[in-house]
C-alpha cells in the first residue's frame, strides 16, 4: 500500500514535467520527420536531353556535356557515348550522327528516377502516347510522328517504378540505310 505524503509531492511533480518534456520532444521530432522529400528526378528536365534531339549539331552536345567516346565509326556515320550529369550521378546517352548532325539518341535512364514523374514530363511536353504495351512488369510507350519524330520510352516496376530508356529518332530518314540506335541495339541483344 502506497501512502501519499508531502514528501512524495516533489517526485510526482518532477515525473509529470519530465513526461511532458519527453512528449513535446517526440511531437517536435515527428513533425520534422514528416517534411516534404522530393524524389531524385523531381528537378530533372527533358531540356537536358534537348541538345541530343535529331537535327541538332553534335558540336553543341560536346560543348554542353563534354567530350564523348566514339563507339562506332562507319564512314560518315558515328556513334558517340556521352554522360549526362544529374545531382551526383551520371547516366549514358548514345548518339548517332552523320556529318556532324545528330540523327537519333538513346538514353539509359537512372533507376533512381521515378517512372511516374518522367513519364508525365514527356506527356506534358509532347502529349499522350499513341501506343502502350505492357509485358509482365515492363511497359513501353510510343509517340508516333510528333514533329516528324518517334519517341519511345520504357519503364519497369518492382517495389517502385523506374524508367529504363528513352529514345528519339526520325519517322522517315532521308539517309540511305539509316537504322535507329534502338533497332541496332535490339538486333544485337537477340544474337
Protein backbone atom coordinates (compact mmCIF):
# COMPACT_ATOMS: atom_id res chain seq x y z
CA UNK A 1 0.00 0.00 0.00
CA UNK A 2 1.40 3.40 -1.02
CA UNK A 3 0.95 6.26 1.32
CA UNK A 4 0.97 9.69 -0.28
CA UNK A 5 2.68 12.31 1.70
CA UNK A 6 4.08 15.77 1.19
CA UNK A 7 7.50 14.12 0.81
CA UNK A 8 6.34 12.32 -2.41
CA UNK A 9 4.96 15.51 -3.99
CA UNK A 10 8.23 16.85 -5.50
CA UNK A 11 8.93 13.47 -7.14
CA UNK A 12 5.44 13.30 -8.65
CA UNK A 13 5.68 16.86 -9.98
CA UNK A 14 9.14 16.16 -11.42
CA UNK A 15 7.87 12.94 -13.02
CA UNK A 16 4.97 14.86 -14.59
CA UNK A 17 7.27 17.55 -16.05
CA UNK A 18 9.76 15.01 -17.43
CA UNK A 19 6.89 13.14 -19.16
CA UNK A 20 5.61 16.41 -20.63
CA UNK A 21 9.09 17.35 -21.85
CA UNK A 22 9.63 13.95 -23.48
CA UNK A 23 6.18 14.07 -25.13
CA UNK A 24 6.87 17.55 -26.51
CA UNK A 25 10.23 16.45 -27.93
CA UNK A 26 8.62 13.42 -29.61
CA UNK A 27 5.95 15.62 -31.21
CA UNK A 28 8.56 18.09 -32.41
CA UNK A 29 10.74 15.33 -33.88
CA UNK A 30 7.80 13.70 -35.65
CA UNK A 31 6.80 16.99 -37.29
CA UNK A 32 10.34 17.37 -38.63
CA UNK A 33 10.35 13.80 -39.97
CA UNK A 34 7.18 14.42 -41.97
CA UNK A 35 8.82 17.16 -44.03
CA UNK A 36 8.39 17.03 -47.81
CA UNK A 37 11.02 14.96 -49.59
CA UNK A 38 11.39 15.45 -53.34
CA UNK A 39 12.20 12.42 -55.50
CA UNK A 40 15.66 12.44 -57.15
CA UNK A 41 14.36 13.35 -60.63
CA UNK A 42 11.94 15.99 -59.41
CA UNK A 43 14.16 18.73 -60.78
CA UNK A 44 15.26 16.85 -63.94
CA UNK A 45 14.06 18.45 -67.13
CA UNK A 46 13.83 16.97 -70.59
CA UNK A 47 15.66 20.14 -71.63
CA UNK A 48 18.85 18.35 -70.56
CA UNK A 49 18.29 15.93 -73.47
CA UNK A 50 17.20 18.62 -75.96
CA UNK A 51 20.77 19.00 -77.26
CA UNK A 52 20.68 15.33 -78.41
CA UNK A 53 17.47 15.65 -80.45
CA UNK A 54 17.66 14.65 -84.13
CA UNK A 55 18.73 17.55 -86.31
CA UNK A 56 20.88 19.18 -83.60
CA UNK A 57 24.62 19.65 -84.12
CA UNK A 58 26.98 17.17 -82.47
CA UNK A 59 29.30 20.03 -81.52
CA UNK A 60 26.54 21.58 -79.34
CA UNK A 61 26.25 18.30 -77.39
CA UNK A 62 30.03 18.21 -76.93
CA UNK A 63 30.06 21.81 -75.68
CA UNK A 64 27.28 21.14 -73.17
CA UNK A 65 28.22 17.65 -71.90
CA UNK A 66 31.92 17.40 -72.60
CA UNK A 67 33.95 15.05 -74.72
CA UNK A 68 32.24 11.90 -75.92
CA UNK A 69 33.65 8.47 -76.56
CA UNK A 70 33.36 7.24 -80.15
CA UNK A 71 31.87 3.75 -80.01
CA UNK A 72 31.37 3.04 -83.70
CA UNK A 73 32.58 4.62 -86.91
CA UNK A 74 31.11 3.57 -90.23
CA UNK A 75 32.10 6.09 -92.90
CA UNK A 76 30.38 9.40 -92.05
CA UNK A 77 28.14 7.65 -89.51
CA UNK A 78 29.40 7.93 -85.91
CA UNK A 79 28.01 6.59 -82.63
CA UNK A 80 29.12 8.51 -79.52
CA UNK A 81 28.63 7.88 -75.82
CA UNK A 82 28.04 10.94 -73.64
CA UNK A 83 27.49 11.12 -69.91
CA UNK A 84 24.79 13.48 -68.64
CA UNK A 85 25.29 14.64 -65.05
CA UNK A 86 22.33 14.86 -62.68
CA UNK A 87 22.87 15.62 -59.00
CA UNK A 88 25.78 13.33 -58.03
CA UNK A 89 25.24 10.73 -60.75
CA UNK A 90 25.89 10.40 -64.47
CA UNK A 91 23.91 8.38 -66.96
CA UNK A 92 24.89 7.38 -70.51
CA UNK A 93 23.38 8.79 -73.69
CA UNK A 94 24.27 7.24 -77.04
CA UNK A 95 24.00 9.48 -80.10
CA UNK A 96 24.23 8.61 -83.75
CA UNK A 97 25.38 11.33 -86.13
CA UNK A 98 26.14 11.81 -89.79
CA UNK A 99 28.42 14.66 -90.92
CA UNK A 100 28.19 16.35 -87.51
CA UNK A 101 24.37 16.27 -87.29
CA UNK A 102 22.63 14.05 -84.73
CA UNK A 103 20.21 11.56 -86.28
CA UNK A 104 18.94 9.91 -83.07
CA UNK A 105 19.75 9.21 -79.43
CA UNK A 106 19.24 6.51 -76.81
CA UNK A 107 19.38 7.46 -73.12
CA UNK A 108 19.76 4.75 -70.46
CA UNK A 109 17.98 6.48 -67.59
CA UNK A 110 18.99 6.11 -63.93
CA UNK A 111 17.00 3.65 -61.83
CA UNK A 112 16.70 6.22 -59.04
CA UNK A 113 14.42 8.34 -61.27
CA UNK A 114 10.71 7.83 -60.64
CA UNK A 115 8.75 6.49 -63.61
CA UNK A 116 5.58 8.49 -62.91
CA UNK A 117 7.39 11.82 -62.91
CA UNK A 118 9.49 11.10 -66.00
CA UNK A 119 6.54 9.71 -67.98
CA UNK A 120 4.39 12.70 -67.03
CA UNK A 121 7.12 15.12 -68.12
CA UNK A 122 7.11 13.51 -71.59
CA UNK A 123 3.29 13.72 -71.73
CA UNK A 124 3.43 17.38 -70.70
CA UNK A 125 5.91 18.07 -73.50
CA UNK A 126 4.52 16.08 -76.46
CA UNK A 127 1.08 14.77 -75.43
CA UNK A 128 -0.38 11.37 -74.62
CA UNK A 129 1.33 8.32 -76.11
CA UNK A 130 -0.10 6.59 -79.19
CA UNK A 131 0.88 3.05 -78.15
CA UNK A 132 1.13 1.45 -74.73
CA UNK A 133 2.28 -2.14 -74.33
CA UNK A 134 2.87 -3.95 -71.06
CA UNK A 135 4.67 -7.27 -70.75
CA UNK A 136 4.84 -8.59 -67.19
CA UNK A 137 6.30 -5.73 -65.15
CA UNK A 138 7.71 -3.69 -68.05
CA UNK A 139 5.90 -1.16 -70.21
CA UNK A 140 6.75 0.55 -73.48
CA UNK A 141 5.21 3.85 -74.54
CA UNK A 142 5.41 5.07 -78.15
CA UNK A 143 4.63 8.52 -79.52
CA UNK A 144 4.33 8.45 -83.32
CA UNK A 145 5.15 11.35 -85.61
CA UNK A 146 5.48 14.13 -83.04
CA UNK A 147 7.08 16.81 -85.18
CA UNK A 148 8.39 14.12 -87.54
CA UNK A 149 9.99 12.22 -84.65
CA UNK A 150 9.19 8.95 -82.93
CA UNK A 151 9.66 8.91 -79.14
CA UNK A 152 9.93 5.61 -77.27
CA UNK A 153 10.06 5.35 -73.50
CA UNK A 154 10.26 2.22 -71.36
CA UNK A 155 9.72 1.78 -67.65
CA UNK A 156 9.50 -1.13 -65.22
CA UNK A 157 8.17 -1.86 -61.77
CA UNK A 158 9.45 -3.97 -58.91
CA UNK A 159 8.95 -2.44 -55.47
CA UNK A 160 8.86 1.00 -57.12
CA UNK A 161 8.54 2.01 -60.76
CA UNK A 162 11.55 3.40 -62.61
CA UNK A 163 12.50 4.36 -66.18
CA UNK A 164 14.72 2.16 -68.32
CA UNK A 165 15.35 4.11 -71.52
CA UNK A 166 14.17 6.99 -73.66
CA UNK A 167 14.97 7.24 -77.36
CA UNK A 168 14.04 9.61 -80.17
CA UNK A 169 14.56 9.11 -83.90
CA UNK A 170 13.06 10.46 -87.16
CA UNK A 171 9.95 8.74 -88.50
CA UNK A 172 11.36 8.91 -92.03
CA UNK A 173 15.02 9.50 -92.65
CA UNK A 174 16.45 10.74 -95.93
CA UNK A 175 19.70 8.93 -95.14
CA UNK A 176 20.23 5.75 -97.13
CA UNK A 177 20.35 2.67 -94.88
CA UNK A 178 19.57 4.63 -91.68
CA UNK A 179 18.86 2.37 -88.71
CA UNK A 180 17.91 3.94 -85.34
CA UNK A 181 20.11 3.02 -82.37
CA UNK A 182 17.20 1.28 -80.61
CA UNK A 183 16.79 -1.12 -83.53
CA UNK A 184 20.51 -1.89 -83.81
CA UNK A 185 20.72 -2.41 -80.03
CA UNK A 186 17.69 -4.71 -80.18
CA UNK A 187 19.23 -6.71 -83.03
CA UNK A 188 22.48 -7.16 -81.06
CA UNK A 189 20.59 -8.37 -77.98
CA UNK A 190 18.86 -11.13 -79.97
CA UNK A 191 22.07 -12.57 -81.45
